[in-house]
PDB file of N, CA and C in Angstrom:
ATOM      1  N   MET A   1     109.409  85.574  83.799  1.00  0.00           N
ATOM      2  CA  MET A   1     108.088  85.925  84.224  1.00  0.00           C
ATOM      3  C   MET A   1     108.143  86.903  82.960  1.00  0.00           C
ATOM      4  N   ALA A   2     106.424  86.197  82.645  1.00  0.00           N
ATOM      5  CA  ALA A   2     105.963  87.363  81.596  1.00  0.00           C
ATOM      6  C   ALA A   2     104.892  88.498  82.305  1.00  0.00           C
ATOM      7  N   ILE A   3     104.998  89.797  81.716  1.00  0.00           N
ATOM      8  CA  ILE A   3     104.512  91.028  81.975  1.00  0.00           C
ATOM      9  C   ILE A   3     104.495  91.573  80.660  1.00  0.00           C
ATOM     10  N   ASP A   4     102.827  92.510  81.044  1.00  0.00           N
ATOM     11  CA  ASP A   4     102.350  93.728  79.837  1.00  0.00           C
ATOM     12  C   ASP A   4     103.335  94.535  79.929  1.00  0.00           C
ATOM     13  N   PHE A   5     104.310  94.253  78.798  1.00  0.00           N
ATOM     14  CA  PHE A   5     105.810  95.790  78.807  1.00  0.00           C
ATOM     15  C   PHE A   5     104.421  96.981  78.810  1.00  0.00           C
ATOM     16  N   ASP A   6     104.022  96.836  77.616  1.00  0.00           N
ATOM     17  CA  ASP A   6     103.099  97.825  77.104  1.00  0.00           C
ATOM     18  C   ASP A   6     102.449  98.955  78.888  1.00  0.00           C
ATOM     19  N   HIS A   7     102.154  98.115  79.149  1.00  0.00           N
ATOM     20  CA  HIS A   7     101.463  98.424  80.351  1.00  0.00           C
ATOM     21  C   HIS A   7     102.369  98.510  81.687  1.00  0.00           C
ATOM     22  N   VAL A   8     103.127  98.202  81.598  1.00  0.00           N
ATOM     23  CA  VAL A   8     104.366  98.996  82.731  1.00  0.00           C
ATOM     24  C   VAL A   8     104.938  99.849  82.303  1.00  0.00           C
ATOM     25  N   LEU A   9     105.377 100.353  81.014  1.00  0.00           N
ATOM     26  CA  LEU A   9     106.092 101.370  80.895  1.00  0.00           C
ATOM     27  C   LEU A   9     104.969 102.952  80.758  1.00  0.00           C
ATOM     28  N   HIS A  10     103.600 102.056  80.688  1.00  0.00           N
ATOM     29  CA  HIS A  10     102.584 103.086  80.553  1.00  0.00           C
ATOM     30  C   HIS A  10     102.472 103.780  82.299  1.00  0.00           C
ATOM     31  N   ALA A  11     102.770 102.964  83.326  1.00  0.00           N
ATOM     32  CA  ALA A  11     102.902 102.824  84.571  1.00  0.00           C
ATOM     33  C   ALA A  11     104.617 104.106  85.205  1.00  0.00           C
ATOM     34  N   LEU A  12     105.117 103.611  83.921  1.00  0.00           N
ATOM     35  CA  LEU A  12     106.715 104.225  84.635  1.00  0.00           C
ATOM     36  C   LEU A  12     106.533 105.745  83.522  1.00  0.00           C
ATOM     37  N   ALA A  13     105.457 106.244  83.471  1.00  0.00           N
ATOM     38  CA  ALA A  13     106.111 107.083  82.479  1.00  0.00           C
ATOM     39  C   ALA A  13     105.254 108.355  83.265  1.00  0.00           C
ATOM     40  N   HIS A  14     104.982 108.404  84.272  1.00  0.00           N
ATOM     41  CA  HIS A  14     104.365 109.573  84.727  1.00  0.00           C
ATOM     42  C   HIS A  14     105.548 109.735  85.914  1.00  0.00           C
ATOM     43  N   PRO A  15     105.694 111.034  86.265  1.00  0.00           N
ATOM     44  CA  PRO A  15     107.207 111.293  87.331  1.00  0.00           C
ATOM     45  C   PRO A  15     106.754 110.610  88.780  1.00  0.00           C
ATOM     46  N   GLU A  16     105.172 110.978  89.193  1.00  0.00           N
ATOM     47  CA  GLU A  16     104.502 110.234  90.202  1.00  0.00           C
ATOM     48  C   GLU A  16     105.236 108.776  90.793  1.00  0.00           C
ATOM     49  N   ARG A  17     104.787 108.515  89.325  1.00  0.00           N
ATOM     50  CA  ARG A  17     104.376 106.586  89.884  1.00  0.00           C
ATOM     51  C   ARG A  17     105.956 106.147  89.683  1.00  0.00           C
ATOM     52  N   ARG A  18     106.839 106.616  89.288  1.00  0.00           N
ATOM     53  CA  ARG A  18     107.874 106.709  88.828  1.00  0.00           C
ATOM     54  C   ARG A  18     108.445 106.624  90.656  1.00  0.00           C
ATOM     55  N   GLN A  19     108.534 107.582  91.115  1.00  0.00           N
ATOM     56  CA  GLN A  19     108.565 108.291  92.894  1.00  0.00           C
ATOM     57  C   GLN A  19     108.026 107.082  93.610  1.00  0.00           C
ATOM     58  N   PHE A  20     106.968 106.689  93.575  1.00  0.00           N
ATOM     59  CA  PHE A  20     106.351 105.695  94.280  1.00  0.00           C
ATOM     60  C   PHE A  20     106.922 104.258  94.344  1.00  0.00           C
ATOM     61  N   VAL A  21     107.706 103.849  93.114  1.00  0.00           N
ATOM     62  CA  VAL A  21     107.913 103.124  92.639  1.00  0.00           C
ATOM     63  C   VAL A  21     109.515 102.548  93.487  1.00  0.00           C
ATOM     64  N   LEU A  22     110.189 103.982  93.403  1.00  0.00           N
ATOM     65  CA  LEU A  22     111.440 104.617  94.474  1.00  0.00           C
ATOM     66  C   LEU A  22     111.391 104.311  95.723  1.00  0.00           C
ATOM     67  N   ALA A  23     110.192 104.980  96.149  1.00  0.00           N
ATOM     68  CA  ALA A  23     109.929 105.113  97.584  1.00  0.00           C
ATOM     69  C   ALA A  23     109.590 103.887  98.293  1.00  0.00           C
ATOM     70  N   CYS A  24     109.109 102.447  97.066  1.00  0.00           N
ATOM     71  CA  CYS A  24     108.761 101.234  98.166  1.00  0.00           C
ATOM     72  C   CYS A  24     109.968 100.141  97.278  1.00  0.00           C
ATOM     73  N   ARG A  25     110.606 100.437  97.249  1.00  0.00           N
ATOM     74  CA  ARG A  25     111.487  99.327  96.472  1.00  0.00           C
ATOM     75  C   ARG A  25     112.172  99.001  97.644  1.00  0.00           C
ATOM     76  N   ASP A  26     112.722  99.679  98.625  1.00  0.00           N
ATOM     77  CA  ASP A  26     113.808  99.089  99.471  1.00  0.00           C
ATOM     78  C   ASP A  26     112.894  98.712 100.952  1.00  0.00           C
ATOM     79  N   ASN A  27     112.402  99.850 101.128  1.00  0.00           N
ATOM     80  CA  ASN A  27     110.995  99.641 102.263  1.00  0.00           C
ATOM     81  C   ASN A  27     109.383  99.851 101.910  1.00  0.00           C
ATOM     82  N   PRO A  28     108.625  98.589 102.575  1.00  0.00           N
ATOM     83  CA  PRO A  28     107.260  98.534 102.170  1.00  0.00           C
ATOM     84  C   PRO A  28     106.925  99.952 102.612  1.00  0.00           C
ATOM     85  N   ARG A  29     105.918 100.619 102.128  1.00  0.00           N
ATOM     86  CA  ARG A  29     105.166 101.626 102.906  1.00  0.00           C
ATOM     87  C   ARG A  29     103.698 101.764 102.320  1.00  0.00           C
ATOM     88  N   ALA A  30     103.079 102.191 103.196  1.00  0.00           N
ATOM     89  CA  ALA A  30     101.367 102.728 103.382  1.00  0.00           C
ATOM     90  C   ALA A  30     101.680 103.937 102.582  1.00  0.00           C
ATOM     91  N   ALA A  31      99.740 103.442 102.056  1.00  0.00           N
ATOM     92  CA  ALA A  31      99.285 104.236 100.721  1.00  0.00           C
ATOM     93  C   ALA A  31      99.775 106.119 101.680  1.00  0.00           C
ATOM     94  N   GLY A  32      99.050 106.345 102.448  1.00  0.00           N
ATOM     95  CA  GLY A  32      99.044 107.516 103.414  1.00  0.00           C
ATOM     96  C   GLY A  32     100.624 107.870 103.282  1.00  0.00           C
ATOM     97  N   GLU A  33     101.395 107.100 103.665  1.00  0.00           N
ATOM     98  CA  GLU A  33     103.117 107.861 103.302  1.00  0.00           C
ATOM     99  C   GLU A  33     103.167 108.374 102.573  1.00  0.00           C
ATOM    100  N   LEU A  34     103.281 107.594 101.424  1.00  0.00           N
ATOM    101  CA  LEU A  34     103.587 107.892 100.310  1.00  0.00           C
ATOM    102  C   LEU A  34     102.194 109.296  99.820  1.00  0.00           C
ATOM    103  N   ALA A  35     101.460 109.649 100.127  1.00  0.00           N
ATOM    104  CA  ALA A  35     100.524 110.627 100.009  1.00  0.00           C
ATOM    105  C   ALA A  35     100.874 112.107 100.426  1.00  0.00           C
ATOM    106  N   GLU A  36     101.706 111.638 101.716  1.00  0.00           N
ATOM    107  CA  GLU A  36     102.401 112.351 102.474  1.00  0.00           C
ATOM    108  C   GLU A  36     103.938 113.235 101.534  1.00  0.00           C
ATOM    109  N   GLN A  37     104.491 112.211 100.811  1.00  0.00           N
ATOM    110  CA  GLN A  37     105.438 112.883 100.343  1.00  0.00           C
ATOM    111  C   GLN A  37     105.147 113.124  98.987  1.00  0.00           C
ATOM    112  N   SER A  38     104.054 113.659  98.288  1.00  0.00           N
ATOM    113  CA  SER A  38     103.421 113.707  96.902  1.00  0.00           C
ATOM    114  C   SER A  38     102.667 115.154  97.515  1.00  0.00           C
ATOM    115  N   SER A  39     102.716 116.080  96.259  1.00  0.00           N
ATOM    116  CA  SER A  39     101.844 116.957  96.532  1.00  0.00           C
ATOM    117  C   SER A  39     100.839 116.453  95.678  1.00  0.00           C
ATOM    118  N   LEU A  40     100.345 116.112  95.711  1.00  0.00           N
ATOM    119  CA  LEU A  40      99.109 115.341  95.209  1.00  0.00           C
ATOM    120  C   LEU A  40      97.930 114.969  95.962  1.00  0.00           C
ATOM    121  N   SER A  41      96.600 115.398  95.634  1.00  0.00           N
ATOM    122  CA  SER A  41      95.645 114.828  96.805  1.00  0.00           C
ATOM    123  C   SER A  41      96.152 113.241  96.971  1.00  0.00           C
ATOM    124  N   VAL A  42      95.420 112.956  97.483  1.00  0.00           N
ATOM    125  CA  VAL A  42      94.741 111.730  98.582  1.00  0.00           C
ATOM    126  C   VAL A  42      94.628 110.734  97.359  1.00  0.00           C
ATOM    127  N   ALA A  43      93.294 111.047  96.601  1.00  0.00           N
ATOM    128  CA  ALA A  43      92.714 110.350  95.461  1.00  0.00           C
ATOM    129  C   ALA A  43      93.530 110.500  94.516  1.00  0.00           C
ATOM    130  N   THR A  44      94.216 111.513  94.135  1.00  0.00           N
ATOM    131  CA  THR A  44      95.031 111.168  92.890  1.00  0.00           C
ATOM    132  C   THR A  44      96.301 110.071  93.047  1.00  0.00           C
ATOM    133  N   VAL A  45      96.124 110.242  94.352  1.00  0.00           N
ATOM    134  CA  VAL A  45      97.916 109.353  94.823  1.00  0.00           C
ATOM    135  C   VAL A  45      97.038 107.769  94.865  1.00  0.00           C
ATOM    136  N   SER A  46      95.886 107.794  95.230  1.00  0.00           N
ATOM    137  CA  SER A  46      95.594 106.651  94.988  1.00  0.00           C
ATOM    138  C   SER A  46      95.061 105.632  93.483  1.00  0.00           C
ATOM    139  N   GLU A  47      94.505 107.028  92.992  1.00  0.00           N
ATOM    140  CA  GLU A  47      94.390 106.432  91.611  1.00  0.00           C
ATOM    141  C   GLU A  47      96.003 105.863  91.022  1.00  0.00           C
ATOM    142  N   HIS A  48      96.920 106.643  91.429  1.00  0.00           N
ATOM    143  CA  HIS A  48      98.375 106.476  90.719  1.00  0.00           C
ATOM    144  C   HIS A  48      98.934 104.988  91.198  1.00  0.00           C
ATOM    145  N   LEU A  49      98.841 104.796  92.304  1.00  0.00           N
ATOM    146  CA  LEU A  49      98.531 103.320  92.960  1.00  0.00           C
ATOM    147  C   LEU A  49      98.093 102.489  92.426  1.00  0.00           C
ATOM    148  N   LYS A  50      96.990 102.642  91.937  1.00  0.00           N
ATOM    149  CA  LYS A  50      95.885 101.120  91.455  1.00  0.00           C
ATOM    150  C   LYS A  50      96.941 100.742  90.135  1.00  0.00           C
ATOM    151  N   ILE A  51      97.307 102.211  89.163  1.00  0.00           N
ATOM    152  CA  ILE A  51      97.506 101.746  88.115  1.00  0.00           C
ATOM    153  C   ILE A  51      99.377 100.856  88.132  1.00  0.00           C
ATOM    154  N   LEU A  52     100.004 100.954  89.066  1.00  0.00           N
ATOM    155  CA  LEU A  52     101.548 100.545  89.445  1.00  0.00           C
ATOM    156  C   LEU A  52     100.681  98.701  90.226  1.00  0.00           C
ATOM    157  N   ARG A  53      99.965  98.881  90.563  1.00  0.00           N
ATOM    158  CA  ARG A  53      99.611  97.970  91.140  1.00  0.00           C
ATOM    159  C   ARG A  53      99.004  97.000  90.111  1.00  0.00           C
ATOM    160  N   LEU A  54      97.736  97.665  88.913  1.00  0.00           N
ATOM    161  CA  LEU A  54      97.442  97.014  87.663  1.00  0.00           C
ATOM    162  C   LEU A  54      98.726  96.373  87.221  1.00  0.00           C
ATOM    163  N   SER A  55      99.567  96.992  87.077  1.00  0.00           N
ATOM    164  CA  SER A  55     101.036  96.757  86.101  1.00  0.00           C
ATOM    165  C   SER A  55     101.796  95.719  86.566  1.00  0.00           C
ATOM    166  N   GLY A  56     101.358  95.249  87.869  1.00  0.00           N
ATOM    167  CA  GLY A  56     102.291  94.853  88.741  1.00  0.00           C
ATOM    168  C   GLY A  56     103.707  94.887  89.096  1.00  0.00           C
ATOM    169  N   LEU A  57     103.634  95.948  89.382  1.00  0.00           N
ATOM    170  CA  LEU A  57     105.427  97.174  89.879  1.00  0.00           C
ATOM    171  C   LEU A  57     104.752  97.235  91.488  1.00  0.00           C
ATOM    172  N   LEU A  58     104.170  97.267  91.655  1.00  0.00           N
ATOM    173  CA  LEU A  58     103.805  96.790  93.266  1.00  0.00           C
ATOM    174  C   LEU A  58     102.625  96.676  93.139  1.00  0.00           C
ATOM    175  N   VAL A  59     102.879  95.595  94.548  1.00  0.00           N
ATOM    176  CA  VAL A  59     101.904  94.324  95.704  1.00  0.00           C
ATOM    177  C   VAL A  59     101.833  95.000  96.811  1.00  0.00           C
ATOM    178  N   LEU A  60     100.338  95.089  96.922  1.00  0.00           N
ATOM    179  CA  LEU A  60      99.268  95.478  98.194  1.00  0.00           C
ATOM    180  C   LEU A  60      99.696  94.063  99.045  1.00  0.00           C
ATOM    181  N   ASP A  61     100.670  94.184 100.489  1.00  0.00           N
ATOM    182  CA  ASP A  61     100.808  93.288 101.597  1.00  0.00           C
ATOM    183  C   ASP A  61     100.168  94.078 103.039  1.00  0.00           C
ATOM    184  N   ARG A  62      99.321  92.885 103.434  1.00  0.00           N
ATOM    185  CA  ARG A  62      98.865  92.982 104.622  1.00  0.00           C
ATOM    186  C   ARG A  62      99.509  92.712 105.821  1.00  0.00           C
ATOM    187  N   GLN A  63      99.711  93.573 106.785  1.00  0.00           N
ATOM    188  CA  GLN A  63     100.656  93.377 108.373  1.00  0.00           C
ATOM    189  C   GLN A  63      99.490  93.611 109.168  1.00  0.00           C
ATOM    190  N   GLY A  64      99.142  92.341 109.547  1.00  0.00           N
ATOM    191  CA  GLY A  64      98.321  92.591 110.526  1.00  0.00           C
ATOM    192  C   GLY A  64      97.129  93.597 110.464  1.00  0.00           C
ATOM    193  N   ARG A  65      97.061  94.792 110.853  1.00  0.00           N
ATOM    194  CA  ARG A  65      95.632  95.500 110.298  1.00  0.00           C
ATOM    195  C   ARG A  65      96.363  96.519 109.655  1.00  0.00           C
ATOM    196  N   HIS A  66      97.293  96.700 108.748  1.00  0.00           N
ATOM    197  CA  HIS A  66      98.024  97.952 107.987  1.00  0.00           C
ATOM    198  C   HIS A  66      98.402  96.924 106.476  1.00  0.00           C
ATOM    199  N   TRP A  67      98.196  98.110 105.425  1.00  0.00           N
ATOM    200  CA  TRP A  67      98.323  97.305 104.009  1.00  0.00           C
ATOM    201  C   TRP A  67      99.688  98.135 104.309  1.00  0.00           C
ATOM    202  N   PHE A  68     100.738  97.840 102.990  1.00  0.00           N
ATOM    203  CA  PHE A  68     101.374  98.060 102.892  1.00  0.00           C
ATOM    204  C   PHE A  68     102.189  97.772 101.020  1.00  0.00           C
ATOM    205  N   TYR A  69     102.298  98.746 100.268  1.00  0.00           N
ATOM    206  CA  TYR A  69     103.286  98.381  98.613  1.00  0.00           C
ATOM    207  C   TYR A  69     104.655  98.072  99.152  1.00  0.00           C
ATOM    208  N   ARG A  70     104.833  97.054  98.203  1.00  0.00           N
ATOM    209  CA  ARG A  70     106.512  97.108  97.998  1.00  0.00           C
ATOM    210  C   ARG A  70     106.083  97.343  96.774  1.00  0.00           C
ATOM    211  N   THR A  71     107.386  97.192  95.795  1.00  0.00           N
ATOM    212  CA  THR A  71     108.135  97.139  94.412  1.00  0.00           C
ATOM    213  C   THR A  71     108.043  95.376  94.348  1.00  0.00           C
ATOM    214  N   ASP A  72     108.085  95.080  93.220  1.00  0.00           N
ATOM    215  CA  ASP A  72     107.959  93.632  92.948  1.00  0.00           C
ATOM    216  C   ASP A  72     109.095  93.768  91.939  1.00  0.00           C
ATOM    217  N   PRO A  73     110.618  92.938  92.555  1.00  0.00           N
ATOM    218  CA  PRO A  73     111.715  92.867  91.886  1.00  0.00           C
ATOM    219  C   PRO A  73     111.426  91.905  91.003  1.00  0.00           C
ATOM    220  N   ALA A  74     110.868  91.052  90.723  1.00  0.00           N
ATOM    221  CA  ALA A  74     110.841  90.183  89.436  1.00  0.00           C
ATOM    222  C   ALA A  74     109.856  90.863  88.152  1.00  0.00           C
ATOM    223  N   VAL A  75     108.935  91.731  88.588  1.00  0.00           N
ATOM    224  CA  VAL A  75     108.533  92.940  87.748  1.00  0.00           C
ATOM    225  C   VAL A  75     109.873  93.462  87.208  1.00  0.00           C
ATOM    226  N   LEU A  76     110.030  93.977  87.765  1.00  0.00           N
ATOM    227  CA  LEU A  76     111.413  95.022  87.683  1.00  0.00           C
ATOM    228  C   LEU A  76     112.318  94.013  86.578  1.00  0.00           C
ATOM    229  N   SER A  77     113.268  93.347  87.250  1.00  0.00           N
ATOM    230  CA  SER A  77     113.689  92.832  86.334  1.00  0.00           C
ATOM    231  C   SER A  77     112.774  92.325  84.714  1.00  0.00           C
ATOM    232  N   ALA A  78     111.979  91.623  84.968  1.00  0.00           N
ATOM    233  CA  ALA A  78     111.883  92.042  83.346  1.00  0.00           C
ATOM    234  C   ALA A  78     111.718  92.748  82.916  1.00  0.00           C
ATOM    235  N   THR A  79     111.066  93.836  83.255  1.00  0.00           N
ATOM    236  CA  THR A  79     111.052  94.717  82.438  1.00  0.00           C
ATOM    237  C   THR A  79     112.597  95.217  82.143  1.00  0.00           C
ATOM    238  N   LEU A  80     113.834  95.112  83.027  1.00  0.00           N
ATOM    239  CA  LEU A  80     115.007  95.369  82.289  1.00  0.00           C
ATOM    240  C   LEU A  80     115.425  94.715  81.358  1.00  0.00           C
ATOM    241  N   LYS A  81     115.025  93.666  81.641  1.00  0.00           N
ATOM    242  CA  LYS A  81     115.377  92.560  80.505  1.00  0.00           C
ATOM    243  C   LYS A  81     114.638  92.727  78.987  1.00  0.00           C
ATOM    244  N   HIS A  82     113.342  93.205  79.138  1.00  0.00           N
ATOM    245  CA  HIS A  82     112.800  93.975  78.084  1.00  0.00           C
ATOM    246  C   HIS A  82     113.907  94.881  77.373  1.00  0.00           C
ATOM    247  N   LEU A  83     113.780  95.897  78.385  1.00  0.00           N
ATOM    248  CA  LEU A  83     114.393  97.448  78.066  1.00  0.00           C
ATOM    249  C   LEU A  83     116.039  96.801  77.471  1.00  0.00           C
ATOM    250  N   ARG A  84     116.526  95.813  77.845  1.00  0.00           N
ATOM    251  CA  ARG A  84     118.012  95.550  77.251  1.00  0.00           C
ATOM    252  C   ARG A  84     118.029  94.929  75.635  1.00  0.00           C
ATOM    253  N   GLN A  85     116.360  94.560  75.310  1.00  0.00           N
ATOM    254  CA  GLN A  85     116.632  93.769  73.962  1.00  0.00           C
ATOM    255  C   GLN A  85     116.469  94.945  73.536  1.00  0.00           C
ATOM    256  N   LEU A  86     116.244  96.204  73.611  1.00  0.00           N
ATOM    257  CA  LEU A  86     116.126  97.007  72.728  1.00  0.00           C
ATOM    258  C   LEU A  86     117.505  97.875  72.595  1.00  0.00           C
ATOM    259  N   LEU A  87     118.193  97.302  73.071  1.00  0.00           N
ATOM    260  CA  LEU A  87     119.443  98.254  72.517  1.00  0.00           C
ATOM    261  C   LEU A  87     120.688  97.336  71.751  1.00  0.00           C
TER     262      LEU A  87
END
């Protein structure tokens, strides 16, 4: 899988964004749920989620009337592969 490694690293550079990726790794989460777990404003959380979505780290899925964020395991694996090349 081809990823924009620089874009992914930029997305992971912020600690709140890393927390959102971790929160969505095992279970899909609604944006409101992620905002409740953060000390940031809803608008700021939304901007962070947009950055994560554009990097490919988070995917937005619709389930009925609700939208949920989940991590993309393929992007995480590709990122890890790129990082291992630096060793």
